[in-house]
Amino acid sequence: MRPYIRYTKGKRRDRRVKNHGVMLEIAGTIFPVVDWSLGGIAIANYEAPAAVGEKVEARLRRSGEEPTYPVELLVMRKDKTKQVLAATYRNLSGDAFSFLERAQLNRPL
């Protein structure tokens, strides 16, 4: 049996998705998602003060659908010129993970 070799670009371990209708809500404001994976998310136009290493409470949902999934994010990087914030998920619930899996495959909830 041949060993399994996983080729990844940089530190990313999960397949990145451009959107598939996933939205992120932080403190009542919905932010456009640049891209996301099962490990993290990048959002645009986030101007609130959040330092690298800071935890942020948010909610995931799909465009036009009501169910939301609470997530805790850990800010990994901020690009001030592009106004993009990248974060990883912390303590992701089973429901939120299942939501992301279905969205990644572009399947209905």
C-alpha atoms as a PDB file:
ATOM      1  CA  MET A   1       0.000   0.000   0.000  1.00  0.00           C
ATOM      2  CA  ARG A   2       1.349   3.423  -0.956  1.00  0.00           C
ATOM      3  CA  PRO A   3       1.516   6.120   1.703  1.00  0.00           C
ATOM      4  CA  TYR A   4      -0.975   8.957   1.451  1.00  0.00           C
ATOM      5  CA  ILE A   5       0.679  12.248   0.573  1.00  0.00           C
ATOM      6  CA  ARG A   6      -1.315  15.431   0.856  1.00  0.00           C
ATOM      7  CA  TYR A   7      -0.146  18.315  -1.272  1.00  0.00           C
ATOM      8  CA  THR A   8      -1.173  21.659   0.154  1.00  0.00           C
ATOM      9  CA  LYS A   9      -0.275  25.218  -0.585  1.00  0.00           C
ATOM     10  CA  GLY A  10       1.350  26.921   2.393  1.00  0.00           C
ATOM     11  CA  LYS A  11      -0.172  26.210   5.796  1.00  0.00           C
ATOM     12  CA  ARG A  12      -3.681  25.539   4.506  1.00  0.00           C
ATOM     13  CA  ARG A  13      -4.987  22.063   5.167  1.00  0.00           C
ATOM     14  CA  ASP A  14      -8.584  22.448   4.020  1.00  0.00           C
ATOM     15  CA  ARG A  15     -10.051  23.207   0.615  1.00  0.00           C
ATOM     16  CA  ARG A  16     -10.909  26.903   0.235  1.00  0.00           C
ATOM     17  CA  VAL A  17     -14.355  27.846  -1.087  1.00  0.00           C
ATOM     18  CA  LYS A  18     -15.012  31.255  -2.630  1.00  0.00           C
ATOM     19  CA  ASN A  19     -18.511  31.533  -1.150  1.00  0.00           C
ATOM     20  CA  HIS A  20     -21.550  29.307  -1.967  1.00  0.00           C
ATOM     21  CA  GLY A  21     -23.728  31.832  -0.133  1.00  0.00           C
ATOM     22  CA  VAL A  22     -22.091  31.596   3.314  1.00  0.00           C
ATOM     23  CA  MET A  23     -22.372  34.791   5.372  1.00  0.00           C
ATOM     24  CA  LEU A  24     -20.785  35.801   8.664  1.00  0.00           C
ATOM     25  CA  GLU A  25     -22.531  38.013  11.207  1.00  0.00           C
ATOM     26  CA  ILE A  26     -20.546  39.806  13.899  1.00  0.00           C
ATOM     27  CA  ALA A  27     -22.326  42.021  16.447  1.00  0.00           C
ATOM     28  CA  GLY A  28     -25.424  42.300  14.243  1.00  0.00           C
ATOM     29  CA  THR A  29     -23.519  43.260  11.076  1.00  0.00           C
ATOM     30  CA  ILE A  30     -23.232  40.873   8.127  1.00  0.00           C
ATOM     31  CA  PHE A  31     -19.839  40.878   6.419  1.00  0.00           C
ATOM     32  CA  PRO A  32     -19.037  39.698   2.892  1.00  0.00           C
ATOM     33  CA  VAL A  33     -17.046  36.470   2.912  1.00  0.00           C
ATOM     34  CA  VAL A  34     -13.933  36.468   0.722  1.00  0.00           C
ATOM     35  CA  ASP A  35     -13.370  32.741   1.105  1.00  0.00           C
ATOM     36  CA  TRP A  36     -13.679  30.054   3.760  1.00  0.00           C
ATOM     37  CA  SER A  37     -12.841  26.432   4.560  1.00  0.00           C
ATOM     38  CA  LEU A  38     -13.602  23.919   7.284  1.00  0.00           C
ATOM     39  CA  GLY A  39     -10.702  25.442   9.220  1.00  0.00           C
ATOM     40  CA  GLY A  40     -11.235  29.179   8.889  1.00  0.00           C
ATOM     41  CA  ILE A  41     -12.791  32.150   7.147  1.00  0.00           C
ATOM     42  CA  ALA A  42     -11.740  35.453   5.556  1.00  0.00           C
ATOM     43  CA  ILE A  43     -14.110  38.422   5.516  1.00  0.00           C
ATOM     44  CA  ALA A  44     -13.968  41.823   3.841  1.00  0.00           C
ATOM     45  CA  ASN A  45     -14.754  45.327   5.111  1.00  0.00           C
ATOM     46  CA  TYR A  46     -14.171  44.496   8.790  1.00  0.00           C
ATOM     47  CA  GLU A  47     -13.132  47.756  10.447  1.00  0.00           C
ATOM     48  CA  ALA A  48     -13.841  47.050  14.133  1.00  0.00           C
ATOM     49  CA  PRO A  49     -10.779  46.874  16.360  1.00  0.00           C
ATOM     50  CA  ALA A  50      -9.727  43.245  16.578  1.00  0.00           C
ATOM     51  CA  ALA A  51      -6.090  42.414  17.221  1.00  0.00           C
ATOM     52  CA  VAL A  52      -4.325  39.326  15.951  1.00  0.00           C
ATOM     53  CA  GLY A  53      -4.831  36.604  18.562  1.00  0.00           C
ATOM     54  CA  GLU A  54      -8.131  38.079  19.785  1.00  0.00           C
ATOM     55  CA  LYS A  55     -11.298  35.957  19.970  1.00  0.00           C
ATOM     56  CA  VAL A  56     -14.461  37.172  18.228  1.00  0.00           C
ATOM     57  CA  GLU A  57     -18.006  35.801  18.622  1.00  0.00           C
ATOM     58  CA  ALA A  58     -19.893  35.421  15.329  1.00  0.00           C
ATOM     59  CA  ARG A  59     -22.728  33.545  13.598  1.00  0.00           C
ATOM     60  CA  LEU A  60     -22.625  31.619  10.319  1.00  0.00           C
ATOM     61  CA  ARG A  61     -25.567  31.332   7.964  1.00  0.00           C
ATOM     62  CA  ARG A  62     -26.463  30.917   4.326  1.00  0.00           C
ATOM     63  CA  SER A  63     -27.840  33.725   2.192  1.00  0.00           C
ATOM     64  CA  GLY A  64     -31.636  33.787   2.305  1.00  0.00           C
ATOM     65  CA  GLU A  65     -31.925  31.151   5.052  1.00  0.00           C
ATOM     66  CA  GLU A  66     -32.838  31.647   8.680  1.00  0.00           C
ATOM     67  CA  PRO A  67     -30.854  29.060  10.703  1.00  0.00           C
ATOM     68  CA  THR A  68     -27.654  30.472  12.181  1.00  0.00           C
ATOM     69  CA  TYR A  69     -24.718  28.711  13.813  1.00  0.00           C
ATOM     70  CA  PRO A  70     -22.688  30.414  16.553  1.00  0.00           C
ATOM     71  CA  VAL A  71     -18.908  30.223  16.139  1.00  0.00           C
ATOM     72  CA  GLU A  72     -15.921  31.544  18.012  1.00  0.00           C
ATOM     73  CA  LEU A  73     -13.183  32.937  15.779  1.00  0.00           C
ATOM     74  CA  LEU A  74      -9.511  33.503  16.529  1.00  0.00           C
ATOM     75  CA  VAL A  75      -8.090  36.372  14.456  1.00  0.00           C
ATOM     76  CA  MET A  76      -5.034  35.158  12.560  1.00  0.00           C
ATOM     77  CA  ARG A  77      -4.227  38.118  10.321  1.00  0.00           C
ATOM     78  CA  LYS A  78      -5.520  41.489   9.169  1.00  0.00           C
ATOM     79  CA  ASP A  79      -4.745  43.157   5.861  1.00  0.00           C
ATOM     80  CA  LYS A  80      -5.480  46.861   6.290  1.00  0.00           C
ATOM     81  CA  THR A  81      -4.963  47.758   2.616  1.00  0.00           C
ATOM     82  CA  LYS A  82      -7.524  45.183   1.428  1.00  0.00           C
ATOM     83  CA  GLN A  83      -9.617  45.438   4.636  1.00  0.00           C
ATOM     84  CA  VAL A  84      -9.624  41.637   5.012  1.00  0.00           C
ATOM     85  CA  LEU A  85      -9.676  39.784   8.317  1.00  0.00           C
ATOM     86  CA  ALA A  86      -8.722  36.092   8.388  1.00  0.00           C
ATOM     87  CA  ALA A  87      -9.623  33.870  11.337  1.00  0.00           C
ATOM     88  CA  THR A  88      -9.754  30.233  12.366  1.00  0.00           C
ATOM     89  CA  TYR A  89     -12.687  28.584  14.094  1.00  0.00           C
ATOM     90  CA  ARG A  90     -12.362  27.700  17.776  1.00  0.00           C
ATOM     91  CA  ASN A  91     -14.586  25.097  19.466  1.00  0.00           C
ATOM     92  CA  LEU A  92     -16.690  24.603  16.331  1.00  0.00           C
ATOM     93  CA  SER A  93     -19.937  22.796  17.208  1.00  0.00           C
ATOM     94  CA  GLY A  94     -21.041  19.682  15.350  1.00  0.00           C
ATOM     95  CA  ASP A  95     -24.006  21.563  13.853  1.00  0.00           C
ATOM     96  CA  ALA A  96     -21.763  24.363  12.553  1.00  0.00           C
ATOM     97  CA  PHE A  97     -19.284  21.845  11.115  1.00  0.00           C
ATOM     98  CA  SER A  98     -22.102  19.949   9.360  1.00  0.00           C
ATOM     99  CA  PHE A  99     -23.432  23.256   8.002  1.00  0.00           C
ATOM    100  CA  LEU A 100     -19.999  24.077   6.551  1.00  0.00           C
ATOM    101  CA  GLU A 101     -19.599  20.578   5.077  1.00  0.00           C
ATOM    102  CA  ARG A 102     -22.941  20.839   3.277  1.00  0.00           C
ATOM    103  CA  ALA A 103     -22.160  24.363   2.083  1.00  0.00           C
ATOM    104  CA  GLN A 104     -18.742  23.221   0.850  1.00  0.00           C
ATOM    105  CA  LEU A 105     -20.413  20.573  -1.304  1.00  0.00           C
ATOM    106  CA  ASN A 106     -23.057  23.167  -2.295  1.00  0.00           C
ATOM    107  CA  ARG A 107     -25.838  20.980  -0.924  1.00  0.00           C
ATOM    108  CA  PRO A 108     -29.070  22.284   0.551  1.00  0.00           C
ATOM    109  CA  LEU A 109     -29.438  22.397   4.313  1.00  0.00           C
END
